Protein backbone atom coordinates (compact mmCIF):
# COMPACT_ATOMS: atom_id res chain seq x y z
CA MET A 1 -0.02 0.01 0.01
CA GLY A 2 2.78 2.47 0.97
CA LYS A 3 2.71 6.23 1.65
CA ILE A 4 -0.21 6.97 -0.59
CA ALA A 5 -2.48 4.47 1.20
CA PHE A 6 -1.55 5.81 4.67
CA ARG A 7 -2.13 9.43 3.57
CA ALA A 8 -5.39 8.26 2.02
CA ALA A 9 -6.45 6.72 5.35
CA ALA A 10 -5.67 9.89 7.19
CA ALA A 11 -7.72 11.83 4.63
CA ALA A 12 -10.56 9.33 5.00
CA PHE A 13 -10.73 10.26 8.66
CA VAL A 14 -12.25 13.64 7.54
CA VAL A 15 -13.84 12.73 4.21
CA SER A 16 -15.74 9.72 5.49
CA THR A 17 -17.21 11.67 8.34
CA LEU A 18 -18.24 14.54 6.06
CA ALA A 19 -19.84 11.97 3.83
CA ALA A 20 -21.86 10.60 6.72
CA GLY A 21 -23.61 13.92 6.69
CA ALA A 22 -25.71 13.54 9.93
CA ALA A 23 -24.83 14.99 13.19
CA LEU A 24 -24.31 12.86 16.21
CA ALA A 25 -27.41 10.76 16.88
CA ALA A 26 -29.82 12.47 19.12
CA PRO A 27 -27.49 13.69 21.94
CA LYS A 28 -29.33 13.82 25.22
CA ALA A 29 -29.64 16.74 27.50
CA VAL A 30 -27.57 15.37 30.42
CA ASN A 31 -28.35 16.31 34.01
CA TRP A 32 -24.86 16.65 35.06
CA ASP A 33 -25.92 17.27 38.75
CA GLY A 34 -26.82 13.50 38.95
CA ILE A 35 -23.48 12.34 37.58
CA PRO A 36 -20.70 11.45 39.91
CA VAL A 37 -17.51 13.55 39.60
CA SER A 38 -13.92 12.22 39.50
CA GLU A 39 -11.06 14.60 40.31
CA THR A 40 -7.49 14.38 39.27
CA MET A 41 -4.55 16.84 39.53
CA LEU A 42 -3.05 18.15 36.22
CA PHE A 43 0.54 19.12 36.65
CA TYR A 44 3.28 20.81 34.54
CA PRO A 45 5.48 18.04 33.10
CA GLY A 46 8.46 19.98 31.86
CA GLN A 47 10.66 18.05 29.39
CA THR A 48 9.83 14.58 30.79
CA SER A 49 9.38 12.12 27.88
CA MET A 50 8.69 8.40 27.46
CA GLU A 51 12.47 7.98 27.11
CA TRP A 52 12.97 9.93 30.40
CA ILE A 53 10.57 7.58 32.16
CA LEU A 54 12.37 4.50 30.93
CA THR A 55 15.91 5.66 32.13
CA GLY A 56 16.87 4.96 35.67
CA SER A 57 19.08 7.99 36.08
CA ASP A 58 16.14 10.23 35.24
CA HIS A 59 13.24 8.37 36.82
CA GLY A 60 13.64 6.23 39.89
CA GLY A 61 10.42 4.36 39.20
CA VAL A 62 11.64 2.69 35.95
CA ARG A 63 11.96 -0.74 37.46
CA ALA A 64 8.36 -0.61 38.86
CA PHE A 65 7.10 0.67 35.53
CA LYS A 66 8.83 -2.14 33.56
CA LYS A 67 7.32 -4.66 35.91
CA GLY A 68 3.83 -3.41 35.05
CA ASP A 69 2.94 -0.69 37.61
CA ARG A 70 1.00 2.24 36.28
CA CYS A 71 2.31 5.76 36.67
CA PHE A 72 -0.99 6.63 38.30
CA GLU A 73 -0.45 3.94 41.01
CA CYS A 74 2.99 5.48 42.08
CA HIS A 75 2.43 9.21 41.52
CA SER A 76 -1.19 10.11 41.87
CA GLN A 77 -0.57 11.73 45.27
CA GLU A 78 2.59 13.54 44.10
CA ALA A 79 1.34 15.56 41.19
CA GLN A 80 1.46 18.99 42.96
CA ASP A 81 5.07 18.39 44.17
CA MET A 82 6.19 17.05 40.67
CA GLY A 83 4.73 20.12 38.99
CA THR A 84 6.50 22.41 41.39
CA LYS A 85 9.82 20.94 40.69
CA MET A 86 9.46 21.18 37.03
CA VAL A 87 7.67 24.43 36.61
CA THR A 88 10.41 26.16 38.74
CA GLY A 89 13.27 24.60 36.64
CA ALA A 90 14.50 22.53 39.56
CA LYS A 91 14.01 19.38 37.48
CA ALA A 92 13.56 18.47 33.82
CA GLU A 93 13.01 22.09 32.51
CA LYS A 94 15.48 24.34 30.86
CA THR A 95 13.08 27.27 30.06
CA PRO A 96 10.86 27.81 33.08
CA ILE A 97 8.21 30.43 32.80
CA PRO A 98 8.15 32.73 35.80
CA GLY A 99 4.84 32.64 37.58
CA LYS A 100 3.25 29.68 35.77
CA ARG A 101 1.20 27.54 38.05
CA ALA A 102 2.57 24.06 38.87
CA ALA A 103 -0.77 22.20 39.01
CA PHE A 104 -4.42 22.58 39.24
CA PRO A 105 -7.47 20.07 39.64
CA LEU A 106 -9.57 18.75 36.79
CA ARG A 107 -13.06 17.51 37.62
CA VAL A 108 -14.38 14.95 35.08
CA LYS A 109 -17.99 13.61 34.73
CA ALA A 110 -18.86 10.95 32.19
CA ALA A 111 -22.00 9.26 30.90
CA TYR A 112 -23.21 7.35 27.91
CA ASP A 113 -26.13 5.83 26.05
CA ALA A 114 -26.49 3.48 23.12
CA GLU A 115 -25.21 6.12 20.66
CA ASN A 116 -22.86 8.60 22.49
CA LEU A 117 -20.31 9.20 25.11
CA TYR A 118 -20.81 12.44 27.11
CA LEU A 119 -17.99 14.21 29.09
CA ARG A 120 -17.86 17.27 31.16
CA PHE A 121 -14.69 18.89 32.32
CA GLU A 122 -14.22 21.73 34.93
CA PHE A 123 -11.10 23.41 36.06
CA PRO A 124 -10.10 26.67 37.73
CA ALA A 125 -8.92 29.64 35.57
CA GLY A 126 -5.55 30.87 36.52
CA PRO A 127 -3.63 34.17 36.51
CA HIS A 128 -1.67 35.25 33.49
CA ALA A 129 2.16 34.82 33.42
CA ASP A 130 4.03 36.41 30.62
CA VAL A 131 6.12 33.95 28.60
CA PRO A 132 9.54 35.69 28.21
CA PHE A 133 10.31 33.87 25.00
CA ALA A 134 6.99 34.50 23.21
CA LYS A 135 5.88 37.68 21.41
CA GLY A 136 3.44 39.60 23.57
CA GLY A 137 3.99 37.03 26.32
CA LYS A 138 1.51 34.50 24.82
CA LEU A 139 2.41 31.33 22.97
CA ASP A 140 -1.07 31.05 21.38
CA PRO A 141 -2.79 34.32 21.50
CA ASP A 142 -5.78 33.02 19.66
CA ASN A 143 -6.62 30.43 22.34
CA GLU A 144 -6.67 31.21 26.06
CA VAL A 145 -7.51 27.52 26.66
CA LYS A 146 -7.23 24.21 24.82
CA LEU A 147 -8.43 21.04 26.40
CA ALA A 148 -7.47 17.58 24.97
CA MET A 149 -8.16 13.82 25.73
CA MET A 150 -6.52 10.78 24.46
CA ILE A 151 -8.06 7.35 24.41
CA ASP A 152 -6.30 4.02 24.15
CA GLY A 153 -8.18 1.05 22.67
CA GLY A 154 -5.84 -1.44 24.28
CA LYS A 155 -3.46 -1.89 21.35
CA VAL A 156 -0.64 0.57 22.28
CA ASP A 157 1.91 -1.33 24.46
CA MET A 158 2.81 1.18 27.13
CA ALA A 159 -0.36 3.30 27.07
CA ALA A 160 -2.07 1.25 29.78
CA ARG A 161 0.74 2.07 32.23
CA SER A 162 1.65 5.69 31.00
CA GLY A 163 -1.34 7.10 29.28
CA CYS A 164 -0.47 9.88 26.81
CA TRP A 165 3.16 9.75 27.78
CA THR A 166 3.69 7.00 25.23
CA THR A 167 3.18 9.60 22.62
CA CYS A 168 5.65 12.21 24.19
CA HIS A 169 9.19 12.01 23.13
CA SER A 170 12.55 13.61 23.64
CA ASP A 171 12.86 14.50 19.96
CA ALA A 172 9.58 16.32 19.55
CA ARG A 173 9.12 20.04 19.38
CA ASP A 174 11.00 22.06 22.14
CA MET A 175 12.24 18.82 23.67
CA PRO A 176 15.93 18.09 24.64
CA THR A 177 16.91 16.12 21.45
CA ALA A 178 14.57 17.75 18.90
CA PRO A 179 16.21 17.71 15.49
CA ALA A 180 17.27 20.92 13.79
CA ALA A 181 14.82 22.25 11.32
CA ALA A 182 17.23 21.72 8.44
CA ALA A 183 17.15 17.97 9.16
CA LEU A 184 13.52 17.55 8.92
CA GLY A 185 13.38 17.36 5.17
CA ALA A 186 15.20 13.99 5.13
CA ALA A 187 12.28 12.26 6.99
CA LYS A 188 10.14 9.90 4.97
CA GLY A 189 6.53 9.34 5.80
CA LEU A 190 6.31 12.34 8.10
CA ASP A 191 4.61 15.79 7.55
CA THR A 192 7.20 18.15 8.91
CA LYS A 193 6.06 21.25 7.16
CA ALA A 194 5.37 23.01 10.42
CA GLY A 195 9.10 22.79 11.31
CA TYR A 196 9.04 20.23 14.06
CA VAL A 197 8.31 16.61 15.04
CA THR A 198 4.87 15.99 16.58
CA LYS A 199 3.72 13.13 18.86
CA TYR A 200 4.12 9.50 17.82
CA ILE A 201 3.83 6.06 19.39
CA PRO A 202 6.95 3.84 19.67
CA GLU A 203 5.26 1.04 17.55
CA SER A 204 5.51 3.32 14.55
CA ARG A 205 9.33 3.30 14.68
CA THR A 206 11.88 0.68 13.64
CA GLN A 207 13.83 1.47 16.70
CA PHE A 208 13.15 2.97 20.14
CA ASP A 209 16.51 3.93 21.63
CA THR A 210 16.06 5.47 25.09
CA ALA A 211 19.73 6.35 25.33
CA LYS A 212 20.31 8.28 22.01
CA ARG A 213 16.73 9.42 21.94
CA ASP A 214 16.89 9.88 18.08
CA ASN A 215 13.95 7.74 17.01
CA TRP A 216 11.85 10.54 15.18
CA ASP A 217 13.03 9.60 11.64
CA LYS A 218 13.09 5.82 12.09
CA VAL A 219 9.62 5.45 10.70
CA LYS A 220 8.36 1.99 9.68
CA PRO A 221 7.27 1.23 6.17
CA GLN A 222 3.99 2.72 5.23
CA ALA A 223 2.40 -0.80 4.86
CA ASP A 224 3.19 -1.48 8.44
CA LEU A 225 1.64 1.88 9.58
CA ASP A 226 -1.48 1.12 7.53
CA ALA A 227 -1.71 -2.18 9.36
CA LEU A 228 -1.31 -0.67 12.78
CA LEU A 229 -3.99 1.85 11.98
CA LYS A 230 -6.47 -0.80 10.79
CA ALA A 231 -5.68 -3.02 13.88
CA GLY A 232 -6.18 -0.10 16.40
CA GLY A 233 -2.63 0.66 17.17
CA PHE A 234 -3.00 4.29 17.81
CA MET A 235 -4.09 6.93 20.49
CA GLU A 236 -7.27 8.67 19.65
CA LEU A 237 -7.17 12.48 20.20
CA LEU A 238 -10.04 14.82 20.96
CA ARG A 239 -9.49 18.49 21.44
CA TRP A 240 -11.53 21.74 22.14
CA LYS A 241 -10.06 25.15 21.64
CA SER A 242 -11.50 28.31 23.17
CA SER A 243 -11.52 30.01 19.87
CA GLY A 244 -14.57 27.69 19.22
CA ALA A 245 -12.87 24.82 17.26
CA ALA A 246 -13.42 21.12 18.01
CA GLU A 247 -10.77 18.80 16.58
CA HIS A 248 -10.59 15.06 16.31
CA GLY A 249 -7.75 12.73 15.25
CA TYR A 250 -5.12 10.25 16.35
CA VAL A 251 -1.46 9.72 17.09
CA LEU A 252 0.42 6.96 15.29
CA ALA A 253 3.51 7.78 13.16
CA GLU A 254 2.67 11.49 13.92
CA ARG A 255 -0.22 13.53 15.09
CA VAL A 256 -3.20 13.64 12.66
CA LEU A 257 -5.70 16.31 14.02
CA LYS A 258 -8.42 17.69 11.77
CA PRO A 259 -11.59 19.75 12.41
CA ALA A 260 -14.21 17.48 14.04
CA ALA A 261 -16.97 16.15 11.78
CA ALA A 262 -20.53 16.56 13.22
CA ALA A 263 -21.07 12.83 12.93
CA ASP A 264 -18.23 12.07 15.17
CA LEU A 265 -17.77 14.76 17.83
CA SER A 266 -19.11 18.02 19.23
CA ALA A 267 -17.51 20.16 21.94
CA SER A 268 -18.18 23.54 23.57
CA GLY A 269 -16.84 25.39 26.57
CA LYS A 270 -16.90 28.65 28.40
CA LYS A 271 -15.54 30.51 31.34
CA ASP A 272 -18.10 30.16 34.18
CA GLY A 273 -17.18 32.37 37.05
CA ALA A 274 -13.77 31.34 38.21
CA ASN A 275 -13.83 28.06 36.29
CA TRP A 276 -13.60 26.87 32.72
CA VAL A 277 -16.33 24.31 31.84
CA VAL A 278 -16.00 22.24 28.78
CA THR A 279 -18.38 19.50 27.38
CA MET A 280 -17.79 16.91 24.68
CA THR A 281 -20.13 14.47 22.95
CA ARG A 282 -18.40 11.61 21.11
CA LYS A 283 -19.96 8.88 18.95
CA LEU A 284 -19.70 5.87 21.26
CA GLY A 285 -18.84 3.26 18.54
CA GLY A 286 -16.30 5.34 16.80
CA GLY A 287 -16.14 3.95 13.29
CA GLN A 288 -13.71 6.46 11.60
CA PRO A 289 -10.11 5.65 11.03
CA GLY A 290 -8.19 6.42 14.12
CA SER A 291 -11.20 6.30 16.58
CA VAL A 292 -11.72 3.75 19.24
CA ALA A 293 -14.93 1.59 19.16
CA MET A 294 -16.08 1.86 22.80
CA GLU A 295 -18.34 -0.66 24.44
CA PRO A 296 -20.30 -0.78 27.75
CA GLY A 297 -18.81 -2.98 30.33
CA LYS A 298 -15.21 -2.13 29.41
CA SER A 299 -12.49 0.21 30.59
CA TYR A 300 -10.21 2.41 28.48
CA THR A 301 -6.97 4.25 29.54
CA VAL A 302 -7.32 8.00 28.92
CA GLY A 303 -5.15 11.01 29.46
CA PHE A 304 -5.99 14.69 29.70
CA ALA A 305 -4.11 17.89 28.79
CA VAL A 306 -5.02 21.52 29.36
CA HIS A 307 -3.11 24.43 27.64
CA ASP A 308 -4.20 27.38 29.78
CA ASP A 309 -3.09 30.91 29.79
CA PHE A 310 -2.52 31.03 26.01
CA ALA A 311 -0.03 28.12 26.23
CA ASN A 312 1.03 25.99 23.30
CA GLY A 313 3.17 22.94 22.59
CA ARG A 314 4.67 21.18 25.62
CA PHE A 315 3.97 24.07 27.95
CA HIS A 316 0.76 22.51 29.14
CA HIS A 317 -0.54 20.71 32.22
CA VAL A 318 -1.31 16.98 31.96
CA SER A 319 -2.83 14.13 33.91
CA LEU A 320 -1.33 10.76 34.73
CA ASP A 321 -2.76 7.74 33.05
CA MET A 322 -6.42 7.06 34.18
CA LYS A 323 -9.08 4.41 33.48
CA LEU A 324 -12.54 5.44 32.14
CA GLY A 325 -14.94 2.67 32.82
CA LEU A 326 -18.34 2.31 31.00
CA ASP A 327 -20.22 0.63 33.82
CA ALA A 328 -16.73 -0.93 34.47
CA GLU A 329 -13.78 -0.36 36.83
CA GLY A 330 -11.97 2.83 36.53
CA GLU A 331 -10.91 6.10 38.29
CA ILE A 332 -13.65 7.73 36.09
CA LYS A 333 -16.90 5.84 35.92
CA ALA A 334 -19.17 6.60 33.01
CA VAL A 335 -22.85 6.23 34.02
CA LYS A 336 -25.42 4.74 31.66
CA LEU A 337 -28.23 7.11 31.03
CA PRO A 338 -31.85 5.99 31.15
């Protein structure tokens, strides 16, 4: 199949949803007051990557992780402290932003019916901190806030233990071993027109060297990537931007993120007093390339990220891996609607 086939699959993510025409099937008006809330702490991750996690001199928990422990199990009570170390530049951060907050709580509610998954997010707005290396002090002046969610369908090896960290690498944009812009043109199978390497999963590379940390251009043949996409070897990605856009895509060899089609995803949000509130409605069964077919009675690993205060790129706050259970075990329990 090759490069053309893989690009065609990425394009099909948008084209086929547009062809579907219809909006999400009869979304219900959810009474969120009756849905239980789960709370987790989002923290500033600095320049910690999947390679960093797997290196003992960087991360003391590597042995436990390799034995099967989840990041959440070891660190869920330490998020505030971890964020403080990194946001101040004491650990794993070469360009700290003075005044940026270390961590803040994210409250999540989830429900579902036969057609859709419903999500509600709430988190406190924070003060503005000028970014000294950004024009006007804002990295993304068009979006005060962006909220993203990743979903693993169970086919990405380290995702169940690390969540979205399995897509975060040392050679991505603004990370320690990011390639020079002049080197990007030599990469095959990647779209590097933006001038940097995006997220990817290790399964998409022919090597995953945690010492050299130069895996970005070791992309597998396109036929292998096509097979991974078809088999569910990706992380689904949903995102809402305060400028009003809803985006939907996935991470495999790179990040594929497009405007959401009405048949797949709707999202909205606003600042409500001292808090931001964002809601999403996602087609439960997926169906488009790069979307997870979710089923009642099952749990899925998820991860969340918030870019607040006009942040962009890696300068966000993130969650540890969490489990979303549809009437199943998980830190977040999605309730079936009547």
